[in-house]
């Protein structure tokens, strides 16, 4: 596998990991004790930590990519098998 292909696949895992990580950060501002700022939506997060979310996304994406890469190297994932031609 070329490094550009690996980078593209990793970026796909990184984008998809957002759907696994973001639902765990759904604590609303109205749930906490912090007062709402004028104009703040009640459903907005109380404290938004993008660095923490990106780190968690990177961890999930790396684990998923390593599993995919091991399967690719060992021949468990084959384009012919995935397309139904094998």
N, C-alpha and C. Protein backbone atom coordinates (compact mmCIF):
# COMPACT_ATOMS: atom_id res chain seq x y z
N UNK A 1 0.86 -1.17 0.00
CA UNK A 1 0.00 0.00 0.00
C UNK A 1 0.90 1.23 0.00
N UNK A 2 0.61 2.16 -0.88
CA UNK A 2 1.36 3.40 -0.93
C UNK A 2 1.00 4.27 0.28
N UNK A 3 1.93 5.14 0.65
CA UNK A 3 1.70 5.98 1.83
C UNK A 3 0.56 6.96 1.57
N UNK A 4 0.35 7.35 0.31
CA UNK A 4 -0.76 8.27 0.03
C UNK A 4 -2.11 7.56 0.20
N UNK A 5 -2.15 6.29 -0.17
CA UNK A 5 -3.38 5.52 0.04
C UNK A 5 -3.65 5.33 1.53
N UNK A 6 -2.58 5.06 2.28
CA UNK A 6 -2.73 4.90 3.73
C UNK A 6 -3.20 6.20 4.37
N UNK A 7 -2.67 7.33 3.90
CA UNK A 7 -3.09 8.62 4.44
C UNK A 7 -4.55 8.91 4.12
N UNK A 8 -4.97 8.58 2.90
CA UNK A 8 -6.37 8.79 2.52
C UNK A 8 -7.31 7.91 3.35
N UNK A 9 -6.93 6.67 3.57
CA UNK A 9 -7.76 5.76 4.36
C UNK A 9 -7.80 6.21 5.81
N UNK A 10 -6.65 6.68 6.34
CA UNK A 10 -6.63 7.17 7.72
C UNK A 10 -7.51 8.41 7.86
N UNK A 11 -7.49 9.29 6.86
CA UNK A 11 -8.34 10.48 6.95
C UNK A 11 -9.82 10.10 6.92
N UNK A 12 -10.17 9.05 6.20
CA UNK A 12 -11.56 8.57 6.23
C UNK A 12 -11.92 8.03 7.61
N UNK A 13 -11.01 7.28 8.21
CA UNK A 13 -11.24 6.80 9.58
C UNK A 13 -11.36 7.97 10.54
N UNK A 14 -10.56 9.01 10.34
CA UNK A 14 -10.61 10.18 11.22
C UNK A 14 -11.96 10.90 11.08
N UNK A 15 -12.44 11.04 9.86
CA UNK A 15 -13.73 11.70 9.65
C UNK A 15 -14.88 10.86 10.23
N UNK A 16 -14.82 9.56 10.04
CA UNK A 16 -15.89 8.69 10.56
C UNK A 16 -15.85 8.58 12.08
N UNK A 17 -14.67 8.76 12.67
CA UNK A 17 -14.58 8.65 14.13
C UNK A 17 -15.33 9.78 14.83
N UNK A 18 -15.59 10.87 14.13
CA UNK A 18 -16.37 11.96 14.73
C UNK A 18 -17.76 11.49 15.11
N UNK A 19 -18.34 10.60 14.31
CA UNK A 19 -19.68 10.09 14.60
C UNK A 19 -19.69 9.16 15.81
N UNK A 20 -18.53 8.61 16.18
CA UNK A 20 -18.45 7.77 17.36
C UNK A 20 -18.09 8.56 18.61
N UNK A 21 -17.34 9.65 18.45
CA UNK A 21 -16.83 10.40 19.60
C UNK A 21 -17.80 11.51 20.02
N UNK A 22 -18.35 12.25 19.10
CA UNK A 22 -19.15 13.42 19.44
C UNK A 22 -20.41 13.12 20.26
N UNK A 23 -21.10 12.01 20.08
CA UNK A 23 -22.28 11.77 20.92
C UNK A 23 -21.98 11.66 22.41
N UNK A 24 -20.74 11.37 22.77
CA UNK A 24 -20.39 11.26 24.19
C UNK A 24 -20.12 12.63 24.82
N UNK A 25 -20.16 13.68 24.02
CA UNK A 25 -19.93 15.04 24.52
C UNK A 25 -21.22 15.85 24.45
N UNK A 26 -22.33 15.23 24.72
CA UNK A 26 -23.63 15.87 24.56
C UNK A 26 -24.19 16.51 25.80
N UNK A 27 -23.37 16.87 26.76
CA UNK A 27 -23.88 17.51 27.97
C UNK A 27 -24.28 18.95 27.64
N UNK A 28 -25.53 19.26 27.87
CA UNK A 28 -26.05 20.58 27.53
C UNK A 28 -25.72 21.60 28.61
N UNK A 29 -25.75 22.86 28.22
CA UNK A 29 -25.49 23.94 29.17
C UNK A 29 -26.59 24.00 30.22
N UNK A 30 -27.81 23.67 29.84
CA UNK A 30 -28.92 23.74 30.80
C UNK A 30 -28.85 22.62 31.84
N UNK A 31 -28.04 21.58 31.60
CA UNK A 31 -27.89 20.49 32.56
C UNK A 31 -26.97 20.86 33.72
N UNK A 32 -26.02 21.74 33.47
CA UNK A 32 -25.02 22.07 34.48
C UNK A 32 -25.44 23.24 35.35
N UNK A 33 -24.53 23.60 36.23
CA UNK A 33 -24.77 24.71 37.14
C UNK A 33 -24.28 26.04 36.58
N UNK A 34 -23.59 25.99 35.44
CA UNK A 34 -23.05 27.22 34.87
C UNK A 34 -24.18 28.07 34.31
N UNK A 35 -24.14 29.37 34.56
CA UNK A 35 -25.20 30.23 34.03
C UNK A 35 -25.08 30.37 32.51
N UNK A 36 -26.21 30.52 31.87
CA UNK A 36 -26.21 30.70 30.42
C UNK A 36 -25.78 32.11 30.06
N UNK A 37 -25.00 32.22 29.01
CA UNK A 37 -24.59 33.52 28.49
C UNK A 37 -25.73 34.04 27.63
N UNK A 38 -25.88 35.34 27.57
CA UNK A 38 -26.96 35.93 26.76
C UNK A 38 -26.78 35.51 25.31
N UNK A 39 -27.82 34.94 24.74
CA UNK A 39 -27.79 34.48 23.36
C UNK A 39 -27.36 33.03 23.20
N UNK A 40 -26.99 32.37 24.27
CA UNK A 40 -26.56 30.98 24.20
C UNK A 40 -27.77 30.06 24.13
N UNK A 41 -27.72 29.11 23.23
CA UNK A 41 -28.79 28.14 23.09
C UNK A 41 -28.75 27.17 24.27
N UNK A 42 -29.92 26.75 24.74
CA UNK A 42 -29.98 25.84 25.88
C UNK A 42 -29.43 24.45 25.54
N UNK A 43 -29.42 24.11 24.26
CA UNK A 43 -28.91 22.81 23.84
C UNK A 43 -27.43 22.81 23.50
N UNK A 44 -26.78 23.97 23.56
CA UNK A 44 -25.35 24.06 23.26
C UNK A 44 -24.54 23.44 24.39
N UNK A 45 -23.37 22.90 24.07
CA UNK A 45 -22.55 22.32 25.13
C UNK A 45 -22.12 23.37 26.15
N UNK A 46 -22.05 22.97 27.41
CA UNK A 46 -21.66 23.90 28.46
C UNK A 46 -20.20 24.31 28.30
N UNK A 47 -19.35 23.34 28.08
CA UNK A 47 -17.92 23.60 27.87
C UNK A 47 -17.50 22.81 26.64
N UNK A 48 -17.01 23.51 25.64
CA UNK A 48 -16.57 22.87 24.40
C UNK A 48 -15.06 22.75 24.42
N UNK A 49 -14.56 21.52 24.35
CA UNK A 49 -13.12 21.26 24.38
C UNK A 49 -12.70 20.60 23.07
N UNK A 50 -12.38 21.39 22.04
CA UNK A 50 -12.05 20.80 20.74
C UNK A 50 -10.77 19.97 20.75
N UNK A 51 -9.77 20.36 21.55
CA UNK A 51 -8.53 19.59 21.58
C UNK A 51 -8.77 18.19 22.14
N UNK A 52 -9.59 18.10 23.16
CA UNK A 52 -9.91 16.79 23.76
C UNK A 52 -10.68 15.92 22.77
N UNK A 53 -11.61 16.53 22.06
CA UNK A 53 -12.40 15.79 21.08
C UNK A 53 -11.52 15.31 19.93
N UNK A 54 -10.63 16.17 19.44
CA UNK A 54 -9.73 15.78 18.36
C UNK A 54 -8.77 14.67 18.80
N UNK A 55 -8.31 14.72 20.04
CA UNK A 55 -7.44 13.66 20.55
C UNK A 55 -8.20 12.33 20.61
N UNK A 56 -9.42 12.36 21.09
CA UNK A 56 -10.21 11.13 21.15
C UNK A 56 -10.53 10.61 19.75
N UNK A 57 -10.80 11.53 18.81
CA UNK A 57 -11.03 11.11 17.43
C UNK A 57 -9.78 10.47 16.84
N UNK A 58 -8.61 11.04 17.12
CA UNK A 58 -7.36 10.49 16.60
C UNK A 58 -7.09 9.10 17.18
N UNK A 59 -7.41 8.90 18.44
CA UNK A 59 -7.21 7.59 19.06
C UNK A 59 -8.12 6.55 18.42
N UNK A 60 -9.39 6.89 18.25
CA UNK A 60 -10.35 5.96 17.64
C UNK A 60 -9.96 5.67 16.19
N UNK A 61 -9.55 6.71 15.45
CA UNK A 61 -9.16 6.52 14.05
C UNK A 61 -7.90 5.67 13.94
N UNK A 62 -6.95 5.88 14.84
CA UNK A 62 -5.71 5.10 14.80
C UNK A 62 -5.97 3.63 15.10
N UNK A 63 -6.80 3.36 16.08
CA UNK A 63 -7.15 1.96 16.40
C UNK A 63 -7.85 1.31 15.21
N UNK A 64 -8.80 2.01 14.62
CA UNK A 64 -9.49 1.46 13.45
C UNK A 64 -8.57 1.24 12.27
N UNK A 65 -7.66 2.19 12.03
CA UNK A 65 -6.74 2.06 10.90
C UNK A 65 -5.75 0.92 11.13
N UNK A 66 -5.28 0.75 12.35
CA UNK A 66 -4.34 -0.35 12.64
C UNK A 66 -5.02 -1.69 12.41
N UNK A 67 -6.26 -1.82 12.83
CA UNK A 67 -7.00 -3.06 12.59
C UNK A 67 -7.16 -3.29 11.09
N UNK A 68 -7.51 -2.24 10.35
CA UNK A 68 -7.65 -2.37 8.89
C UNK A 68 -6.32 -2.73 8.25
N UNK A 69 -5.23 -2.08 8.67
CA UNK A 69 -3.92 -2.31 8.05
C UNK A 69 -3.43 -3.73 8.31
N UNK A 70 -3.62 -4.23 9.52
CA UNK A 70 -3.24 -5.61 9.83
C UNK A 70 -4.03 -6.58 8.97
N UNK A 71 -5.31 -6.32 8.81
CA UNK A 71 -6.14 -7.18 7.95
C UNK A 71 -5.69 -7.09 6.49
N UNK A 72 -5.28 -5.91 6.05
CA UNK A 72 -4.82 -5.73 4.67
C UNK A 72 -3.50 -6.46 4.43
N UNK A 73 -2.56 -6.32 5.36
CA UNK A 73 -1.25 -6.96 5.21
C UNK A 73 -1.37 -8.48 5.25
N UNK A 74 -2.23 -9.00 6.09
CA UNK A 74 -2.40 -10.45 6.20
C UNK A 74 -3.29 -11.03 5.11
N UNK A 75 -3.86 -10.19 4.27
CA UNK A 75 -4.68 -10.68 3.17
C UNK A 75 -6.11 -10.96 3.53
N UNK A 76 -6.54 -10.54 4.71
CA UNK A 76 -7.93 -10.76 5.11
C UNK A 76 -8.87 -9.82 4.36
N UNK A 77 -8.36 -8.68 3.95
CA UNK A 77 -9.15 -7.70 3.20
C UNK A 77 -8.58 -7.67 1.79
N UNK A 78 -9.38 -8.07 0.84
CA UNK A 78 -8.95 -8.13 -0.55
C UNK A 78 -9.99 -7.39 -1.38
N UNK A 79 -9.56 -6.51 -2.29
CA UNK A 79 -10.55 -5.79 -3.10
C UNK A 79 -11.47 -6.71 -3.89
N UNK A 80 -10.96 -7.86 -4.33
CA UNK A 80 -11.81 -8.79 -5.08
C UNK A 80 -12.88 -9.42 -4.18
N UNK A 81 -12.54 -9.69 -2.94
CA UNK A 81 -13.51 -10.26 -2.01
C UNK A 81 -14.58 -9.23 -1.68
N UNK A 82 -14.14 -7.99 -1.45
CA UNK A 82 -15.10 -6.95 -1.09
C UNK A 82 -16.05 -6.61 -2.23
N UNK A 83 -15.59 -6.74 -3.47
CA UNK A 83 -16.47 -6.42 -4.60
C UNK A 83 -17.31 -7.62 -5.04
N UNK A 84 -17.05 -8.79 -4.49
CA UNK A 84 -17.84 -9.97 -4.82
C UNK A 84 -17.33 -10.74 -6.02
N UNK A 85 -16.10 -10.46 -6.48
CA UNK A 85 -15.56 -11.14 -7.65
C UNK A 85 -14.76 -12.39 -7.30
N UNK A 86 -14.51 -12.64 -6.05
CA UNK A 86 -13.64 -13.78 -5.69
C UNK A 86 -14.42 -15.06 -5.57
